[in-house]
Amino acid sequence: MHASSNIECFAVINITSPFKVLELAGNAARDNKKQRINPRHLQLAIRNDEELNKLLSGVTIAQGGVLPNIQTSLLPKRTGESGGGKASDHHDDKDD
């Protein structure tokens, strides 16, 4: 009985995983305004999903590229208001 439940779980995983990959890859393609799924979209879909990334951690996707990873110290620093302070400063300069 225990062996049959393992087989059922394995079958469910094998059936649902491809659909999940296709759905996530389709979302990645749509986000990039593309009509077709390419290897890059598959790579983004798999690596951004925790479960799929764990399941396919040893898989290399040809032409998939790498995930963008920018260190936070290299990102521009955010100020309190986005652009509001600069516009009022510029306006004050014209009055003087």
Protein backbone atom coordinates (compact mmCIF):
# COMPACT_ATOMS: atom_id res chain seq x y z
CA MET A 1 0.00 0.00 0.00
CA HIS A 2 2.82 2.39 0.84
CA ALA A 3 4.53 1.76 -2.51
CA SER A 4 1.36 2.63 -4.44
CA SER A 5 1.03 5.97 -2.62
CA ASN A 6 4.63 6.79 -3.55
CA ILE A 7 3.88 5.97 -7.17
CA GLU A 8 0.77 8.16 -7.08
CA CYS A 9 2.75 11.08 -5.64
CA PHE A 10 5.46 10.61 -8.25
CA ALA A 11 2.83 10.55 -11.01
CA VAL A 12 1.22 13.75 -9.73
CA ILE A 13 4.59 15.49 -9.62
CA ASN A 14 5.47 14.31 -13.13
CA ILE A 15 2.14 15.51 -14.51
CA THR A 16 1.96 18.89 -12.78
CA SER A 17 5.61 19.97 -13.02
CA PRO A 18 5.67 20.49 -16.82
CA PHE A 19 2.47 22.54 -16.64
CA LYS A 20 3.92 24.68 -13.86
CA VAL A 21 7.13 25.23 -15.84
CA LEU A 22 5.16 26.18 -18.96
CA GLU A 23 2.90 28.53 -17.02
CA LEU A 24 5.81 30.31 -15.34
CA ALA A 25 7.82 30.44 -18.58
CA GLY A 26 4.78 31.85 -20.38
CA ASN A 27 4.50 34.53 -17.71
CA ALA A 28 8.18 35.38 -18.17
CA ALA A 29 7.71 35.60 -21.95
CA ARG A 30 4.67 37.86 -21.52
CA ASP A 31 6.60 40.08 -19.08
CA ASN A 32 9.25 40.49 -21.79
CA LYS A 33 6.55 41.21 -24.41
CA LYS A 34 7.33 38.04 -26.39
CA GLN A 35 4.90 35.66 -28.09
CA ARG A 36 7.08 32.55 -27.82
CA ILE A 37 8.80 30.86 -24.91
CA ASN A 38 12.55 30.61 -25.40
CA PRO A 39 15.25 28.98 -23.21
CA ARG A 40 15.81 32.27 -21.36
CA HIS A 41 12.18 32.27 -20.22
CA LEU A 42 12.50 28.66 -19.04
CA GLN A 43 15.64 29.56 -17.09
CA LEU A 44 13.95 32.55 -15.42
CA ALA A 45 10.87 30.50 -14.58
CA ILE A 46 12.79 27.62 -13.03
CA ARG A 47 15.38 29.63 -11.11
CA ASN A 48 12.83 32.07 -9.65
CA ASP A 49 10.61 29.26 -8.32
CA GLU A 50 11.96 27.73 -5.12
CA GLU A 51 10.55 24.22 -5.66
CA LEU A 52 11.50 23.97 -9.34
CA ASN A 53 14.96 25.35 -8.65
CA LYS A 54 15.51 22.68 -6.00
CA LEU A 55 14.15 19.93 -8.27
CA LEU A 56 16.22 21.04 -11.28
CA SER A 57 19.28 22.37 -9.45
CA GLY A 58 21.71 20.20 -11.42
CA VAL A 59 20.20 21.00 -14.81
CA THR A 60 21.91 23.34 -17.27
CA ILE A 61 19.61 25.03 -19.77
CA ALA A 62 21.41 25.78 -23.03
CA GLN A 63 21.03 29.43 -24.07
CA GLY A 64 19.32 30.15 -20.75
CA GLY A 65 21.77 32.73 -19.48
CA VAL A 66 22.10 33.59 -15.81
CA LEU A 67 19.83 35.32 -13.33
CA PRO A 68 20.48 39.01 -12.83
CA ASN A 69 22.06 39.56 -9.42
CA ILE A 70 23.04 43.14 -8.58
CA GLN A 71 24.63 43.71 -5.19
CA THR A 72 22.69 46.21 -3.09
CA SER A 73 25.80 48.35 -2.55
CA LEU A 74 25.90 49.00 -6.31
CA LEU A 75 22.26 50.12 -6.56
CA PRO A 76 21.49 53.86 -6.47
CA LYS A 77 20.55 55.14 -3.03
CA ARG A 78 16.92 56.16 -2.59
CA THR A 79 16.01 59.56 -1.16
CA GLY A 80 12.91 60.54 0.84
CA GLU A 81 10.86 61.79 -2.12
CA SER A 82 11.30 60.62 -5.68
CA GLY A 83 11.99 63.74 -7.75
CA GLY A 84 9.76 66.07 -5.66
CA GLY A 85 12.65 67.82 -3.95
CA LYS A 86 14.56 68.41 -7.16
CA ALA A 87 11.62 70.09 -8.91
CA SER A 88 11.01 72.52 -6.03
CA ASP A 89 14.74 73.31 -5.77
CA HIS A 90 14.83 74.05 -9.48
CA HIS A 91 11.77 76.31 -9.18
CA ASP A 92 13.37 78.25 -6.27
CA ASP A 93 16.47 78.91 -8.39
CA LYS A 94 14.37 80.67 -11.04
CA ASP A 95 12.81 83.05 -8.48
CA ASP A 96 16.22 84.26 -7.22
